[in-house]
Amino acid sequence: MLAALGSGTLIGLVLGLVGGGGSILAVPLLVYVVGIRSTHLAIGTAALAVTANALASLAGHARAGTVKWPCAGVFALSGVIGAALGAEAGKAFDGKRLLMLFGLLMIGIGLSMLRKRKGAEAPDVHLDRGSAAHLLPRLIPAGLAVGLAAGFFGIGGGFLIVPGLIAATAMPMRNAIGTSLVVVAALGMTTAVSYAVSGYVDWSLSALLIGGGVAGATIGIALGRRLAGYKGLLERLFAAIVIAIGLYVALSEAR
């Protein structure tokens, strides 16, 4: 119980400090710290906790008006289809190999976080009849691809969704983060339901992760305000941690 609460607090702290990335730590924490022996049970449990945390964060972004709802709806719908397919593939995959691939994914995400983001923003972008012909061919494939990865590995996919939304629509970062939470919640719920039906969710552990996450996020947000001038440094430090954990997971399972 203490390990689960501590893990949830750490996940929430990271979310509060750097605005994302907590979900990528959930599965390794459940396996190596909490001690869940089943990779599939860890993925299902993490997915449920990620969904709850995303919905809690979405409420604040919705009040701030940073969510582009039509774009979020299309991306989420295609992502849910991908997540359902990915979750079924993940459950059929060998647990040890799945965890090794998860480690490799962490390395890739960590490296992508170190890359500088390009400008060329379109703050007024919105999906309607006039822009559908241009935006839909971009949003649908991106959502499907991200959903497959999120369902297969049981992650919220925020670090995949945000770049996907920006690449498809050129919306500003603050809008991409708010919009991504709709997709994270939809994909996390799809994965959690799929794993729960197969008995791969520990409900009590999920509750502890969510409770710890709320406390950690509160601390992280307050700390993030004080360290706002060091946000770039914090993101690079977190990227290095993600890469290091990914290397440990991949090498451990490869052995």
C-alpha atoms as a PDB file:
ATOM      1  CA  MET A   1       0.000   0.000   0.000  1.00  0.00           C
ATOM      2  CA  LEU A   2       2.798   2.427   0.911  1.00  0.00           C
ATOM      3  CA  ALA A   3       4.663   1.586  -2.309  1.00  0.00           C
ATOM      4  CA  ALA A   4       1.518   2.197  -4.371  1.00  0.00           C
ATOM      5  CA  LEU A   5       0.772   5.498  -2.624  1.00  0.00           C
ATOM      6  CA  GLY A   6       4.390   6.580  -3.045  1.00  0.00           C
ATOM      7  CA  SER A   7       4.355   5.613  -6.722  1.00  0.00           C
ATOM      8  CA  GLY A   8       1.120   7.539  -7.287  1.00  0.00           C
ATOM      9  CA  THR A   9       2.580  10.567  -5.510  1.00  0.00           C
ATOM     10  CA  LEU A  10       5.677  10.452  -7.714  1.00  0.00           C
ATOM     11  CA  ILE A  11       3.545  10.203 -10.865  1.00  0.00           C
ATOM     12  CA  GLY A  12       1.414  13.166  -9.769  1.00  0.00           C
ATOM     13  CA  LEU A  13       4.515  15.156  -8.792  1.00  0.00           C
ATOM     14  CA  VAL A  14       5.986  14.707 -12.275  1.00  0.00           C
ATOM     15  CA  LEU A  15       2.686  15.707 -13.892  1.00  0.00           C
ATOM     16  CA  GLY A  16       2.539  18.847 -11.768  1.00  0.00           C
ATOM     17  CA  LEU A  17       6.154  19.803 -12.423  1.00  0.00           C
ATOM     18  CA  VAL A  18       6.529  19.227 -16.166  1.00  0.00           C
ATOM     19  CA  GLY A  19       2.902  18.894 -17.324  1.00  0.00           C
ATOM     20  CA  GLY A  20       3.086  15.288 -18.504  1.00  0.00           C
ATOM     21  CA  GLY A  21       5.049  12.088 -18.488  1.00  0.00           C
ATOM     22  CA  GLY A  22       3.700  10.596 -15.281  1.00  0.00           C
ATOM     23  CA  SER A  23       1.938   7.756 -17.067  1.00  0.00           C
ATOM     24  CA  ILE A  24       5.139   6.518 -18.697  1.00  0.00           C
ATOM     25  CA  LEU A  25       6.482   5.824 -15.190  1.00  0.00           C
ATOM     26  CA  ALA A  26       3.383   3.980 -13.967  1.00  0.00           C
ATOM     27  CA  VAL A  27       4.087   0.514 -15.402  1.00  0.00           C
ATOM     28  CA  PRO A  28       7.785   0.349 -14.326  1.00  0.00           C
ATOM     29  CA  LEU A  29       6.833   1.581 -10.852  1.00  0.00           C
ATOM     30  CA  LEU A  30       4.109  -1.044 -10.506  1.00  0.00           C
ATOM     31  CA  VAL A  31       6.440  -3.823 -11.665  1.00  0.00           C
ATOM     32  CA  TYR A  32       9.714  -2.883  -9.948  1.00  0.00           C
ATOM     33  CA  VAL A  33       8.565  -0.897  -6.877  1.00  0.00           C
ATOM     34  CA  VAL A  34       5.072  -2.124  -5.990  1.00  0.00           C
ATOM     35  CA  GLY A  35       5.998  -5.671  -7.013  1.00  0.00           C
ATOM     36  CA  ILE A  36       3.262  -6.672  -9.468  1.00  0.00           C
ATOM     37  CA  ARG A  37       4.614  -9.748 -11.205  1.00  0.00           C
ATOM     38  CA  SER A  38       2.203  -9.702 -14.136  1.00  0.00           C
ATOM     39  CA  THR A  39       3.065  -7.150 -16.818  1.00  0.00           C
ATOM     40  CA  HIS A  40      -0.511  -7.297 -18.116  1.00  0.00           C
ATOM     41  CA  LEU A  41      -1.953  -6.598 -14.641  1.00  0.00           C
ATOM     42  CA  ALA A  42       0.423  -3.630 -14.281  1.00  0.00           C
ATOM     43  CA  ILE A  43      -0.660  -2.226 -17.658  1.00  0.00           C
ATOM     44  CA  GLY A  44      -4.391  -2.559 -16.913  1.00  0.00           C
ATOM     45  CA  THR A  45      -4.045  -1.052 -13.438  1.00  0.00           C
ATOM     46  CA  ALA A  46      -1.920   1.837 -14.721  1.00  0.00           C
ATOM     47  CA  ALA A  47      -4.395   2.578 -17.520  1.00  0.00           C
ATOM     48  CA  LEU A  48      -7.243   3.046 -15.053  1.00  0.00           C
ATOM     49  CA  ALA A  49      -5.186   5.404 -12.889  1.00  0.00           C
ATOM     50  CA  VAL A  50      -4.039   7.372 -15.950  1.00  0.00           C
ATOM     51  CA  THR A  51      -7.669   7.849 -17.036  1.00  0.00           C
ATOM     52  CA  ALA A  52      -8.703   9.268 -13.661  1.00  0.00           C
ATOM     53  CA  ASN A  53      -5.723  11.638 -13.524  1.00  0.00           C
ATOM     54  CA  ALA A  54      -6.383  12.852 -17.085  1.00  0.00           C
ATOM     55  CA  LEU A  55     -10.047  13.611 -16.323  1.00  0.00           C
ATOM     56  CA  ALA A  56      -9.070  15.561 -13.209  1.00  0.00           C
ATOM     57  CA  SER A  57      -6.581  17.662 -15.183  1.00  0.00           C
ATOM     58  CA  LEU A  58      -9.010  18.119 -18.085  1.00  0.00           C
ATOM     59  CA  ALA A  59     -11.494  19.954 -15.872  1.00  0.00           C
ATOM     60  CA  GLY A  60      -9.003  22.772 -15.262  1.00  0.00           C
ATOM     61  CA  HIS A  61      -8.032  23.054 -18.931  1.00  0.00           C
ATOM     62  CA  ALA A  62     -11.686  23.096 -20.004  1.00  0.00           C
ATOM     63  CA  ARG A  63     -12.358  26.007 -17.654  1.00  0.00           C
ATOM     64  CA  ALA A  64      -9.341  27.820 -19.114  1.00  0.00           C
ATOM     65  CA  GLY A  65     -10.672  27.333 -22.657  1.00  0.00           C
ATOM     66  CA  THR A  66      -7.544  25.604 -23.995  1.00  0.00           C
ATOM     67  CA  VAL A  67      -9.351  22.524 -25.364  1.00  0.00           C
ATOM     68  CA  LYS A  68     -10.125  22.382 -29.102  1.00  0.00           C
ATOM     69  CA  TRP A  69     -13.076  20.004 -28.779  1.00  0.00           C
ATOM     70  CA  PRO A  70     -13.803  19.075 -32.455  1.00  0.00           C
ATOM     71  CA  CYS A  71     -10.141  18.192 -33.066  1.00  0.00           C
ATOM     72  CA  ALA A  72     -10.079  16.289 -29.762  1.00  0.00           C
ATOM     73  CA  GLY A  73     -13.211  14.341 -30.725  1.00  0.00           C
ATOM     74  CA  VAL A  74     -11.865  13.155 -34.074  1.00  0.00           C
ATOM     75  CA  PHE A  75      -8.417  12.316 -32.702  1.00  0.00           C
ATOM     76  CA  ALA A  76      -9.963  10.496 -29.731  1.00  0.00           C
ATOM     77  CA  LEU A  77     -12.440   8.512 -31.840  1.00  0.00           C
ATOM     78  CA  SER A  78      -9.769   7.198 -34.199  1.00  0.00           C
ATOM     79  CA  GLY A  79      -7.470   6.713 -31.207  1.00  0.00           C
ATOM     80  CA  VAL A  80     -10.058   4.598 -29.374  1.00  0.00           C
ATOM     81  CA  ILE A  81     -10.256   2.252 -32.371  1.00  0.00           C
ATOM     82  CA  GLY A  82      -6.467   1.973 -32.366  1.00  0.00           C
ATOM     83  CA  ALA A  83      -6.346   1.519 -28.568  1.00  0.00           C
ATOM     84  CA  ALA A  84      -8.899  -1.299 -28.665  1.00  0.00           C
ATOM     85  CA  LEU A  85      -6.849  -3.124 -31.299  1.00  0.00           C
ATOM     86  CA  GLY A  86      -3.584  -2.363 -29.483  1.00  0.00           C
ATOM     87  CA  ALA A  87      -4.905  -3.598 -26.134  1.00  0.00           C
ATOM     88  CA  GLU A  88      -5.986  -6.932 -27.625  1.00  0.00           C
ATOM     89  CA  ALA A  89      -2.563  -7.324 -29.258  1.00  0.00           C
ATOM     90  CA  GLY A  90      -0.818  -6.406 -25.998  1.00  0.00           C
ATOM     91  CA  LYS A  91      -2.749  -8.989 -23.961  1.00  0.00           C
ATOM     92  CA  ALA A  92      -1.785 -11.682 -26.458  1.00  0.00           C
ATOM     93  CA  PHE A  93       1.890 -10.677 -26.336  1.00  0.00           C
ATOM     94  CA  ASP A  94       4.411 -12.352 -24.024  1.00  0.00           C
ATOM     95  CA  GLY A  95       4.700 -10.296 -20.820  1.00  0.00           C
ATOM     96  CA  LYS A  96       8.505 -10.245 -20.684  1.00  0.00           C
ATOM     97  CA  ARG A  97       8.875  -9.180 -24.315  1.00  0.00           C
ATOM     98  CA  LEU A  98       6.132  -6.598 -23.834  1.00  0.00           C
ATOM     99  CA  LEU A  99       8.013  -5.069 -20.918  1.00  0.00           C
ATOM    100  CA  MET A 100      11.257  -5.010 -22.934  1.00  0.00           C
ATOM    101  CA  LEU A 101       9.490  -3.184 -25.785  1.00  0.00           C
ATOM    102  CA  PHE A 102       8.036  -0.799 -23.204  1.00  0.00           C
ATOM    103  CA  GLY A 103      11.584   0.009 -22.092  1.00  0.00           C
ATOM    104  CA  LEU A 104      12.586   0.738 -25.686  1.00  0.00           C
ATOM    105  CA  LEU A 105       9.527   2.987 -26.044  1.00  0.00           C
ATOM    106  CA  MET A 106      10.610   4.915 -22.942  1.00  0.00           C
ATOM    107  CA  ILE A 107      14.046   5.475 -24.479  1.00  0.00           C
ATOM    108  CA  GLY A 108      12.457   6.778 -27.693  1.00  0.00           C
ATOM    109  CA  ILE A 109      10.082   9.108 -25.816  1.00  0.00           C
ATOM    110  CA  GLY A 110      12.928  10.410 -23.638  1.00  0.00           C
ATOM    111  CA  LEU A 111      15.027  11.207 -26.705  1.00  0.00           C
ATOM    112  CA  SER A 112      12.069  12.943 -28.384  1.00  0.00           C
ATOM    113  CA  MET A 113      11.643  15.129 -25.285  1.00  0.00           C
ATOM    114  CA  LEU A 114      15.192  16.413 -25.739  1.00  0.00           C
ATOM    115  CA  ARG A 115      14.438  17.719 -29.224  1.00  0.00           C
ATOM    116  CA  LYS A 116      13.610  21.413 -29.588  1.00  0.00           C
ATOM    117  CA  ARG A 117      10.024  22.120 -30.583  1.00  0.00           C
ATOM    118  CA  LYS A 118       9.494  24.105 -33.791  1.00  0.00           C
ATOM    119  CA  GLY A 119       7.258  27.194 -34.035  1.00  0.00           C
ATOM    120  CA  ALA A 120       4.819  27.945 -36.920  1.00  0.00           C
ATOM    121  CA  GLU A 121       1.697  27.912 -34.753  1.00  0.00           C
ATOM    122  CA  ALA A 122      -1.918  28.328 -35.875  1.00  0.00           C
ATOM    123  CA  PRO A 123      -3.766  29.513 -32.738  1.00  0.00           C
ATOM    124  CA  ASP A 124      -7.084  29.968 -34.572  1.00  0.00           C
ATOM    125  CA  VAL A 125      -7.170  26.492 -36.100  1.00  0.00           C
ATOM    126  CA  HIS A 126     -10.512  24.732 -35.722  1.00  0.00           C
ATOM    127  CA  LEU A 127     -12.258  21.805 -37.347  1.00  0.00           C
ATOM    128  CA  ASP A 128     -15.347  22.699 -39.389  1.00  0.00           C
ATOM    129  CA  ARG A 129     -16.755  22.026 -42.849  1.00  0.00           C
ATOM    130  CA  GLY A 130     -14.267  24.369 -44.449  1.00  0.00           C
ATOM    131  CA  SER A 131     -11.160  22.871 -42.828  1.00  0.00           C
ATOM    132  CA  ALA A 132     -12.306  19.228 -42.693  1.00  0.00           C
ATOM    133  CA  ALA A 133     -10.794  18.310 -46.061  1.00  0.00           C
ATOM    134  CA  HIS A 134      -7.405  19.540 -44.835  1.00  0.00           C
ATOM    135  CA  LEU A 135      -7.473  18.425 -41.187  1.00  0.00           C
ATOM    136  CA  LEU A 136      -9.282  15.063 -41.204  1.00  0.00           C
ATOM    137  CA  PRO A 137      -6.668  13.255 -43.371  1.00  0.00           C
ATOM    138  CA  ARG A 138      -4.092  14.366 -40.799  1.00  0.00           C
ATOM    139  CA  LEU A 139      -6.010  13.833 -37.563  1.00  0.00           C
ATOM    140  CA  ILE A 140      -7.451  10.369 -38.264  1.00  0.00           C
ATOM    141  CA  PRO A 141      -4.200   8.498 -39.138  1.00  0.00           C
ATOM    142  CA  ALA A 142      -2.316  10.228 -36.314  1.00  0.00           C
ATOM    143  CA  GLY A 143      -5.023   9.287 -33.809  1.00  0.00           C
ATOM    144  CA  LEU A 144      -5.106   5.681 -35.001  1.00  0.00           C
ATOM    145  CA  ALA A 145      -1.315   5.298 -34.738  1.00  0.00           C
ATOM    146  CA  VAL A 146      -1.123   6.860 -31.268  1.00  0.00           C
ATOM    147  CA  GLY A 147      -4.073   4.757 -30.112  1.00  0.00           C
ATOM    148  CA  LEU A 148      -2.373   1.540 -31.217  1.00  0.00           C
ATOM    149  CA  ALA A 149       0.732   2.402 -29.184  1.00  0.00           C
ATOM    150  CA  ALA A 150      -1.258   3.579 -26.159  1.00  0.00           C
ATOM    151  CA  GLY A 151      -3.427   0.453 -26.116  1.00  0.00           C
ATOM    152  CA  PHE A 152      -0.525  -1.924 -26.686  1.00  0.00           C
ATOM    153  CA  PHE A 153       1.623  -0.471 -23.895  1.00  0.00           C
ATOM    154  CA  GLY A 154      -1.154   0.728 -21.585  1.00  0.00           C
ATOM    155  CA  ILE A 155       0.009   4.354 -21.432  1.00  0.00           C
ATOM    156  CA  GLY A 156      -1.934   7.594 -21.632  1.00  0.00           C
ATOM    157  CA  GLY A 157       0.205   8.593 -24.589  1.00  0.00           C
ATOM    158  CA  GLY A 158       0.389  12.311 -23.801  1.00  0.00           C
ATOM    159  CA  PHE A 159       3.930  12.590 -25.145  1.00  0.00           C
ATOM    160  CA  LEU A 160       2.725  10.934 -28.362  1.00  0.00           C
ATOM    161  CA  ILE A 161      -0.598  12.776 -28.596  1.00  0.00           C
ATOM    162  CA  VAL A 162       0.750  16.316 -28.124  1.00  0.00           C
ATOM    163  CA  PRO A 163       3.271  16.108 -31.006  1.00  0.00           C
ATOM    164  CA  GLY A 164       0.636  14.319 -33.099  1.00  0.00           C
ATOM    165  CA  LEU A 165      -1.889  17.112 -32.604  1.00  0.00           C
ATOM    166  CA  ILE A 166       0.698  19.807 -33.328  1.00  0.00           C
ATOM    167  CA  ALA A 167       1.891  18.019 -36.474  1.00  0.00           C
ATOM    168  CA  ALA A 168      -1.689  17.552 -37.716  1.00  0.00           C
ATOM    169  CA  THR A 169      -3.090  21.009 -36.911  1.00  0.00           C
ATOM    170  CA  ALA A 170      -0.194  23.348 -35.925  1.00  0.00           C
ATOM    171  CA  MET A 171      -2.176  24.360 -32.815  1.00  0.00           C
ATOM    172  CA  PRO A 172      -0.145  26.064 -30.018  1.00  0.00           C
ATOM    173  CA  MET A 173       1.417  23.943 -27.286  1.00  0.00           C
ATOM    174  CA  ARG A 174      -1.016  25.084 -24.567  1.00  0.00           C
ATOM    175  CA  ASN A 175      -3.971  24.035 -26.748  1.00  0.00           C
ATOM    176  CA  ALA A 176      -2.304  20.742 -27.660  1.00  0.00           C
ATOM    177  CA  ILE A 177      -1.777  19.910 -23.970  1.00  0.00           C
ATOM    178  CA  GLY A 178      -5.391  20.710 -23.038  1.00  0.00           C
ATOM    179  CA  THR A 179      -6.788  18.906 -26.097  1.00  0.00           C
ATOM    180  CA  SER A 180      -4.552  15.879 -25.504  1.00  0.00           C
ATOM    181  CA  LEU A 181      -6.183  15.223 -22.117  1.00  0.00           C
ATOM    182  CA  VAL A 182      -9.484  14.378 -23.848  1.00  0.00           C
ATOM    183  CA  VAL A 183      -7.619  11.816 -25.928  1.00  0.00           C
ATOM    184  CA  VAL A 184      -5.589  10.494 -22.966  1.00  0.00           C
ATOM    185  CA  ALA A 185      -8.791   9.886 -20.999  1.00  0.00           C
ATOM    186  CA  ALA A 186     -10.488   8.175 -23.955  1.00  0.00           C
ATOM    187  CA  LEU A 187      -7.515   5.935 -24.756  1.00  0.00           C
ATOM    188  CA  GLY A 188      -6.844   5.132 -21.099  1.00  0.00           C
ATOM    189  CA  MET A 189     -10.471   4.153 -20.535  1.00  0.00           C
ATOM    190  CA  THR A 190     -10.506   1.966 -23.658  1.00  0.00           C
ATOM    191  CA  THR A 191      -7.351   0.156 -22.533  1.00  0.00           C
ATOM    192  CA  ALA A 192      -8.553  -0.141 -18.914  1.00  0.00           C
ATOM    193  CA  VAL A 193     -11.930  -1.608 -19.944  1.00  0.00           C
ATOM    194  CA  SER A 194     -10.263  -4.102 -22.286  1.00  0.00           C
ATOM    195  CA  TYR A 195      -7.853  -5.266 -19.570  1.00  0.00           C
ATOM    196  CA  ALA A 196     -10.543  -5.227 -16.852  1.00  0.00           C
ATOM    197  CA  VAL A 197     -12.756  -7.558 -18.902  1.00  0.00           C
ATOM    198  CA  SER A 198      -9.835  -9.987 -18.974  1.00  0.00           C
ATOM    199  CA  GLY A 199      -9.261  -9.587 -15.214  1.00  0.00           C
ATOM    200  CA  TYR A 200      -6.081  -7.519 -15.566  1.00  0.00           C
ATOM    201  CA  VAL A 201      -6.970  -4.594 -13.244  1.00  0.00           C
ATOM    202  CA  ASP A 202      -6.184  -4.368  -9.524  1.00  0.00           C
ATOM    203  CA  TRP A 203      -8.881  -1.968  -8.376  1.00  0.00           C
ATOM    204  CA  SER A 204      -7.482  -1.312  -4.899  1.00  0.00           C
ATOM    205  CA  LEU A 205      -4.030  -0.513  -6.301  1.00  0.00           C
ATOM    206  CA  SER A 206      -5.577   1.825  -8.870  1.00  0.00           C
ATOM    207  CA  ALA A 207      -7.370   3.688  -6.082  1.00  0.00           C
ATOM    208  CA  LEU A 208      -4.089   4.076  -4.180  1.00  0.00           C
ATOM    209  CA  LEU A 209      -2.315   5.320  -7.308  1.00  0.00           C
ATOM    210  CA  ILE A 210      -5.079   7.858  -7.952  1.00  0.00           C
ATOM    211  CA  GLY A 211      -5.067   9.055  -4.332  1.00  0.00           C
ATOM    212  CA  GLY A 212      -1.299   9.422  -4.312  1.00  0.00           C
ATOM    213  CA  GLY A 213      -1.439  11.113  -7.718  1.00  0.00           C
ATOM    214  CA  VAL A 214      -3.813  13.815  -6.467  1.00  0.00           C
ATOM    215  CA  ALA A 215      -1.500  14.600  -3.543  1.00  0.00           C
ATOM    216  CA  GLY A 216       1.601  14.538  -5.739  1.00  0.00           C
ATOM    217  CA  ALA A 217       0.024  16.766  -8.383  1.00  0.00           C
ATOM    218  CA  THR A 218      -0.899  19.358  -5.744  1.00  0.00           C
ATOM    219  CA  ILE A 219       2.708  19.454  -4.533  1.00  0.00           C
ATOM    220  CA  GLY A 220       4.068  19.396  -8.089  1.00  0.00           C
ATOM    221  CA  ILE A 221       1.921  22.293  -9.287  1.00  0.00           C
ATOM    222  CA  ALA A 222       2.940  24.446  -6.303  1.00  0.00           C
ATOM    223  CA  LEU A 223       6.598  23.503  -6.773  1.00  0.00           C
ATOM    224  CA  GLY A 224       6.302  24.061 -10.529  1.00  0.00           C
ATOM    225  CA  ARG A 225       5.206  27.665  -9.970  1.00  0.00           C
ATOM    226  CA  ARG A 226       8.309  28.332  -7.883  1.00  0.00           C
ATOM    227  CA  LEU A 227      10.558  26.631 -10.433  1.00  0.00           C
ATOM    228  CA  ALA A 228       8.832  28.095 -13.521  1.00  0.00           C
ATOM    229  CA  GLY A 229      12.084  29.655 -14.681  1.00  0.00           C
ATOM    230  CA  TYR A 230      13.718  26.230 -14.730  1.00  0.00           C
ATOM    231  CA  LYS A 231      10.971  24.410 -16.657  1.00  0.00           C
ATOM    232  CA  GLY A 232      13.281  23.623 -19.597  1.00  0.00           C
ATOM    233  CA  LEU A 233      15.895  22.209 -17.237  1.00  0.00           C
ATOM    234  CA  LEU A 234      13.278  20.135 -15.422  1.00  0.00           C
ATOM    235  CA  GLU A 235      11.999  18.702 -18.715  1.00  0.00           C
ATOM    236  CA  ARG A 236      15.519  17.741 -19.798  1.00  0.00           C
ATOM    237  CA  LEU A 237      16.220  16.182 -16.404  1.00  0.00           C
ATOM    238  CA  PHE A 238      12.991  14.198 -16.591  1.00  0.00           C
ATOM    239  CA  ALA A 239      13.849  13.095 -20.144  1.00  0.00           C
ATOM    240  CA  ALA A 240      17.202  11.777 -18.874  1.00  0.00           C
ATOM    241  CA  ILE A 241      15.414   9.869 -16.090  1.00  0.00           C
ATOM    242  CA  VAL A 242      12.948   8.351 -18.576  1.00  0.00           C
ATOM    243  CA  ILE A 243      15.829   7.224 -20.815  1.00  0.00           C
ATOM    244  CA  ALA A 244      17.722   5.732 -17.844  1.00  0.00           C
ATOM    245  CA  ILE A 245      14.660   3.811 -16.611  1.00  0.00           C
ATOM    246  CA  GLY A 246      13.925   2.652 -20.170  1.00  0.00           C
ATOM    247  CA  LEU A 247      17.471   1.314 -20.499  1.00  0.00           C
ATOM    248  CA  TYR A 248      17.167  -0.495 -17.153  1.00  0.00           C
ATOM    249  CA  VAL A 249      13.819  -2.063 -18.083  1.00  0.00           C
ATOM    250  CA  ALA A 250      14.929  -3.104 -21.582  1.00  0.00           C
ATOM    251  CA  LEU A 251      18.244  -4.578 -20.422  1.00  0.00           C
ATOM    252  CA  SER A 252      16.682  -6.317 -17.412  1.00  0.00           C
ATOM    253  CA  GLU A 253      14.048  -8.037 -19.529  1.00  0.00           C
ATOM    254  CA  ALA A 254      16.538  -8.803 -22.324  1.00  0.00           C
ATOM    255  CA  ARG A 255      18.643 -10.742 -19.807  1.00  0.00           C
END
